[in-house]
């Protein structure tokens, strides 16, 4: 690799909304850099707010989650710029990691499944069931846990489009034997270099503790779901939290796979 730093582009899809996702991603990238003794140089692009799109000179790209509908923005300039960028990344096979909202837009654009509203908002620490052996899941069990915060989902996979693209479904949401609803797609390997997930692998326990203890956030959860939901989330946020393995492995695994040989 020589002495040149690894160039990383982070596409900020939060549109100025308060979040902990960006801070968590920064921490993961910097911890990975130090642990691997790899110098990095990164830039952040305000994609939704300012229509900022990175050029193709970066070694690695990470596109974040964000609020709102992945369907309503289809005619907005930033969305069109983003999907054009996705097509270019697929064509030149640059390493890309898509989180939640970015993943939903990619699935919508490539028509890999039905992107639609859930019956109710999903939030909490929930199991994800892996279907595909891949280095991305190194250090994780076949069923692992992640933090979810989403109103939309991807169901009804378009097998023809998935096969034509050379993509593979990597994971589905939790098994719900008592609920007669299709399980959502939780991860897709779009190509050998491009991955996307419906959950938040960047979510870190201490950041979530602060977030859910914030008075306004706590009140919102209790008003929407009841106090038992808030207590259930908090019960899973400690040194033994099941999301710790996801946080410490998944994005670092992607970075390991993505670095130039």
Protein backbone atom coordinates (compact mmCIF):
# COMPACT_ATOMS: atom_id res chain seq x y z
CA UNK A 1 0.00 0.00 0.00
CA UNK A 2 3.00 2.33 0.36
CA UNK A 3 2.69 5.41 2.52
CA UNK A 4 -0.37 6.98 0.88
CA UNK A 5 -3.35 7.25 3.24
CA UNK A 6 -6.54 5.33 2.51
CA UNK A 7 -9.08 7.86 1.24
CA UNK A 8 -12.56 7.41 2.71
CA UNK A 9 -15.70 9.29 1.64
CA UNK A 10 -18.62 9.45 4.07
CA UNK A 11 -21.96 10.40 2.51
CA UNK A 12 -24.04 12.11 5.21
CA UNK A 13 -27.71 11.30 4.55
CA UNK A 14 -29.11 12.82 7.75
CA UNK A 15 -30.10 16.14 6.12
CA UNK A 16 -29.14 18.04 9.26
CA UNK A 17 -31.31 15.90 11.57
CA UNK A 18 -29.83 15.26 15.06
CA UNK A 19 -28.20 11.84 15.15
CA UNK A 20 -25.50 9.71 16.73
CA UNK A 21 -24.78 7.78 13.55
CA UNK A 22 -22.14 10.12 12.16
CA UNK A 23 -20.21 10.22 15.44
CA UNK A 24 -20.33 6.43 15.71
CA UNK A 25 -19.03 6.02 12.15
CA UNK A 26 -16.16 8.44 12.84
CA UNK A 27 -15.21 6.43 15.93
CA UNK A 28 -15.28 3.10 14.10
CA UNK A 29 -13.17 4.41 11.22
CA UNK A 30 -10.58 5.97 13.53
CA UNK A 31 -10.41 2.92 15.79
CA UNK A 32 -9.93 0.72 12.74
CA UNK A 33 -7.18 3.02 11.45
CA UNK A 34 -5.30 2.84 14.74
CA UNK A 35 -5.75 -0.91 15.24
CA UNK A 36 -4.55 -1.70 11.71
CA UNK A 37 -1.83 0.99 11.74
CA UNK A 38 -3.30 2.41 8.55
CA UNK A 39 -3.27 6.11 7.82
CA UNK A 40 -6.60 7.47 6.59
CA UNK A 41 -7.83 10.68 5.01
CA UNK A 42 -11.59 11.14 5.02
CA UNK A 43 -14.09 13.69 3.78
CA UNK A 44 -17.78 14.12 4.60
CA UNK A 45 -20.32 14.95 1.91
CA UNK A 46 -23.67 16.52 2.82
CA UNK A 47 -25.57 14.58 0.20
CA UNK A 48 -29.17 15.36 1.09
CA UNK A 49 -28.67 18.87 2.38
CA UNK A 50 -26.31 20.23 -0.27
CA UNK A 51 -26.37 17.60 -3.04
CA UNK A 52 -22.69 16.83 -2.37
CA UNK A 53 -21.44 13.66 -4.08
CA UNK A 54 -17.84 12.37 -3.89
CA UNK A 55 -15.87 11.72 -7.04
CA UNK A 56 -14.46 8.29 -7.86
CA UNK A 57 -10.97 8.94 -6.47
CA UNK A 58 -11.72 7.54 -3.00
CA UNK A 59 -10.70 4.06 -1.91
CA UNK A 60 -13.73 3.43 0.32
CA UNK A 61 -17.24 4.89 0.57
CA UNK A 62 -19.69 4.72 3.49
CA UNK A 63 -23.22 6.09 3.05
CA UNK A 64 -25.22 6.64 6.23
CA UNK A 65 -28.74 6.15 7.44
CA UNK A 66 -31.13 9.05 7.75
CA UNK A 67 -34.71 10.11 8.43
CA UNK A 68 -37.71 10.20 6.17
CA UNK A 69 -39.07 8.28 3.22
CA UNK A 70 -36.82 6.52 0.69
CA UNK A 71 -39.72 6.74 -1.78
CA UNK A 72 -40.79 10.38 -1.70
CA UNK A 73 -37.39 11.75 -2.71
CA UNK A 74 -37.21 9.93 -6.05
CA UNK A 75 -37.64 13.15 -8.07
CA UNK A 76 -35.38 15.30 -5.89
CA UNK A 77 -32.06 16.37 -7.38
CA UNK A 78 -29.95 14.95 -4.55
CA UNK A 79 -31.66 11.54 -4.87
CA UNK A 80 -31.02 11.48 -8.61
CA UNK A 81 -27.38 12.46 -8.03
CA UNK A 82 -27.06 9.73 -5.40
CA UNK A 83 -28.52 6.97 -7.57
CA UNK A 84 -26.36 8.05 -10.52
CA UNK A 85 -23.37 7.79 -8.18
CA UNK A 86 -24.51 4.31 -7.11
CA UNK A 87 -24.60 3.22 -10.74
CA UNK A 88 -21.07 4.53 -11.26
CA UNK A 89 -19.81 2.72 -8.16
CA UNK A 90 -21.32 -0.51 -9.45
CA UNK A 91 -19.74 0.02 -12.86
CA UNK A 92 -16.23 0.68 -11.55
CA UNK A 93 -16.58 -1.60 -8.51
CA UNK A 94 -15.44 0.70 -5.75
CA UNK A 95 -16.03 -0.52 -2.16
CA UNK A 96 -19.29 0.94 -0.84
CA UNK A 97 -21.15 0.30 2.42
CA UNK A 98 -24.79 1.43 2.55
CA UNK A 99 -26.60 1.87 5.88
CA UNK A 100 -30.38 1.85 6.38
CA UNK A 101 -31.77 4.85 4.41
CA UNK A 102 -29.00 4.56 1.81
CA UNK A 103 -29.69 0.84 1.53
CA UNK A 104 -33.40 1.45 1.05
CA UNK A 105 -32.77 3.92 -1.78
CA UNK A 106 -30.37 1.49 -3.47
CA UNK A 107 -32.93 -1.33 -3.29
CA UNK A 108 -35.61 1.00 -4.66
CA UNK A 109 -33.40 2.24 -7.48
CA UNK A 110 -32.20 -1.19 -8.62
CA UNK A 111 -35.70 -2.64 -8.09
CA UNK A 112 -34.40 -5.48 -5.92
CA UNK A 113 -37.56 -5.70 -3.84
CA UNK A 114 -40.63 -3.87 -2.64
CA UNK A 115 -39.60 -0.85 -0.56
CA UNK A 116 -42.63 0.00 1.55
CA UNK A 117 -43.89 1.23 4.92
CA UNK A 118 -43.95 -1.16 7.85
CA UNK A 119 -47.22 -1.61 9.71
CA UNK A 120 -45.52 0.15 12.61
CA UNK A 121 -42.15 1.72 13.32
CA UNK A 122 -39.39 -0.66 14.35
CA UNK A 123 -36.94 0.42 17.02
CA UNK A 124 -34.80 -1.59 19.38
CA UNK A 125 -32.15 -4.28 19.58
CA UNK A 126 -33.29 -7.21 17.50
CA UNK A 127 -31.94 -10.42 15.96
CA UNK A 128 -30.74 -10.61 12.36
CA UNK A 129 -30.51 -14.01 10.67
CA UNK A 130 -27.58 -14.45 8.33
CA UNK A 131 -28.10 -16.49 5.16
CA UNK A 132 -24.77 -16.16 3.39
CA UNK A 133 -21.26 -17.06 4.49
CA UNK A 134 -19.14 -13.97 3.89
CA UNK A 135 -16.13 -12.29 5.47
CA UNK A 136 -18.41 -9.36 6.30
CA UNK A 137 -19.90 -11.52 9.07
CA UNK A 138 -16.60 -12.66 10.57
CA UNK A 139 -16.82 -12.67 14.36
CA UNK A 140 -20.62 -12.87 14.32
CA UNK A 141 -22.95 -15.78 14.98
CA UNK A 142 -25.37 -16.96 12.28
CA UNK A 143 -28.01 -15.07 14.25
CA UNK A 144 -26.60 -11.81 15.58
CA UNK A 145 -28.10 -8.65 17.06
CA UNK A 146 -28.29 -5.11 15.76
CA UNK A 147 -29.90 -1.80 16.55
CA UNK A 148 -32.87 -1.03 14.31
CA UNK A 149 -34.66 2.27 13.81
CA UNK A 150 -36.82 2.22 10.71
CA UNK A 151 -40.29 2.91 9.40
CA UNK A 152 -39.68 1.32 5.98
CA UNK A 153 -38.68 -2.15 4.87
CA UNK A 154 -37.65 -4.17 1.82
CA UNK A 155 -39.77 -7.27 1.19
CA UNK A 156 -40.78 -9.41 -1.82
CA UNK A 157 -37.32 -9.78 -3.38
CA UNK A 158 -37.19 -9.43 -7.16
CA UNK A 159 -35.25 -12.61 -7.89
CA UNK A 160 -34.83 -11.77 -11.58
CA UNK A 161 -33.30 -8.34 -10.90
CA UNK A 162 -31.15 -9.71 -8.08
CA UNK A 163 -29.78 -12.47 -10.29
CA UNK A 164 -29.18 -10.12 -13.23
CA UNK A 165 -27.22 -7.76 -10.98
CA UNK A 166 -25.22 -10.60 -9.49
CA UNK A 167 -26.43 -9.65 -6.02
CA UNK A 168 -27.20 -11.93 -3.07
CA UNK A 169 -29.48 -11.59 -0.06
CA UNK A 170 -27.28 -11.91 3.02
CA UNK A 171 -29.73 -11.69 5.93
CA UNK A 172 -33.39 -11.49 6.94
CA UNK A 173 -35.11 -9.95 9.96
CA UNK A 174 -36.13 -11.85 13.07
CA UNK A 175 -38.26 -14.98 12.80
CA UNK A 176 -41.86 -14.19 13.78
CA UNK A 177 -43.80 -17.49 13.74
CA UNK A 178 -46.93 -15.91 15.23
CA UNK A 179 -47.07 -13.03 12.74
CA UNK A 180 -48.30 -13.73 9.20
CA UNK A 181 -46.09 -11.11 7.57
CA UNK A 182 -43.14 -11.50 5.22
CA UNK A 183 -39.75 -11.05 6.84
CA UNK A 184 -37.82 -8.05 5.60
CA UNK A 185 -34.46 -8.21 3.83
CA UNK A 186 -31.78 -7.01 6.25
CA UNK A 187 -28.61 -7.18 4.15
CA UNK A 188 -27.64 -7.52 0.48
CA UNK A 189 -24.31 -8.13 -1.19
CA UNK A 190 -24.78 -6.04 -4.31
CA UNK A 191 -21.42 -7.15 -5.70
CA UNK A 192 -18.02 -8.30 -4.49
CA UNK A 193 -17.31 -4.73 -3.38
CA UNK A 194 -20.69 -3.24 -2.47
CA UNK A 195 -22.73 -4.13 0.62
CA UNK A 196 -25.85 -2.73 2.23
CA UNK A 197 -27.69 -3.34 5.50
CA UNK A 198 -31.12 -2.35 6.81
CA UNK A 199 -29.92 -2.04 10.42
CA UNK A 200 -27.36 0.17 12.17
CA UNK A 201 -24.06 -1.69 12.72
CA UNK A 202 -22.44 1.59 13.75
CA UNK A 203 -24.65 1.85 16.87
CA UNK A 204 -22.48 1.84 20.02
CA UNK A 205 -23.79 0.92 23.46
CA UNK A 206 -22.70 4.02 25.38
CA UNK A 207 -23.96 6.34 22.65
CA UNK A 208 -27.34 4.59 22.75
CA UNK A 209 -27.51 4.81 26.55
CA UNK A 210 -27.07 8.58 26.35
CA UNK A 211 -29.56 8.82 23.48
CA UNK A 212 -32.35 6.84 25.14
CA UNK A 213 -31.82 8.54 28.51
CA UNK A 214 -32.28 11.95 26.93
CA UNK A 215 -35.54 13.27 28.35
CA UNK A 216 -37.12 14.11 24.99
CA UNK A 217 -36.12 10.81 23.36
CA UNK A 218 -37.32 8.81 26.37
CA UNK A 219 -40.65 10.62 26.35
CA UNK A 220 -41.10 10.01 22.62
CA UNK A 221 -40.47 6.27 22.98
CA UNK A 222 -42.82 5.95 25.95
CA UNK A 223 -45.57 7.95 24.23
CA UNK A 224 -45.31 5.88 21.04
CA UNK A 225 -44.64 2.40 22.43
CA UNK A 226 -45.12 2.44 26.19
CA UNK A 227 -42.70 2.40 29.09
CA UNK A 228 -42.09 -1.34 28.73
CA UNK A 229 -40.49 -0.75 25.32
CA UNK A 230 -38.10 1.85 26.71
CA UNK A 231 -37.20 -0.39 29.65
CA UNK A 232 -36.66 -3.35 27.29
CA UNK A 233 -34.22 -1.33 25.17
CA UNK A 234 -32.32 -0.10 28.23
CA UNK A 235 -32.09 -3.64 29.63
CA UNK A 236 -30.05 -4.63 26.56
CA UNK A 237 -27.61 -1.74 26.84
CA UNK A 238 -24.78 -2.78 29.14
CA UNK A 239 -21.31 -4.32 28.90
CA UNK A 240 -22.90 -7.60 27.78
CA UNK A 241 -25.11 -6.06 25.11
CA UNK A 242 -25.55 -8.34 22.10
CA UNK A 243 -24.91 -5.45 19.70
CA UNK A 244 -21.31 -5.13 20.89
CA UNK A 245 -20.15 -7.90 18.54
CA UNK A 246 -21.89 -6.24 15.60
CA UNK A 247 -20.36 -2.85 16.40
CA UNK A 248 -16.83 -4.20 16.78
CA UNK A 249 -16.88 -6.51 13.76
CA UNK A 250 -19.17 -5.64 10.88
CA UNK A 251 -17.98 -2.27 9.55
CA UNK A 252 -14.34 -3.08 10.43
CA UNK A 253 -14.74 -6.31 8.42
CA UNK A 254 -15.96 -4.25 5.47
CA UNK A 255 -13.00 -1.89 5.81
CA UNK A 256 -10.61 -4.86 5.94
CA UNK A 257 -12.13 -6.24 2.72
CA UNK A 258 -12.08 -2.83 1.05
CA UNK A 259 -8.49 -1.71 1.53
CA UNK A 260 -6.44 -1.80 -1.69
CA UNK A 261 -4.16 -4.83 -1.96
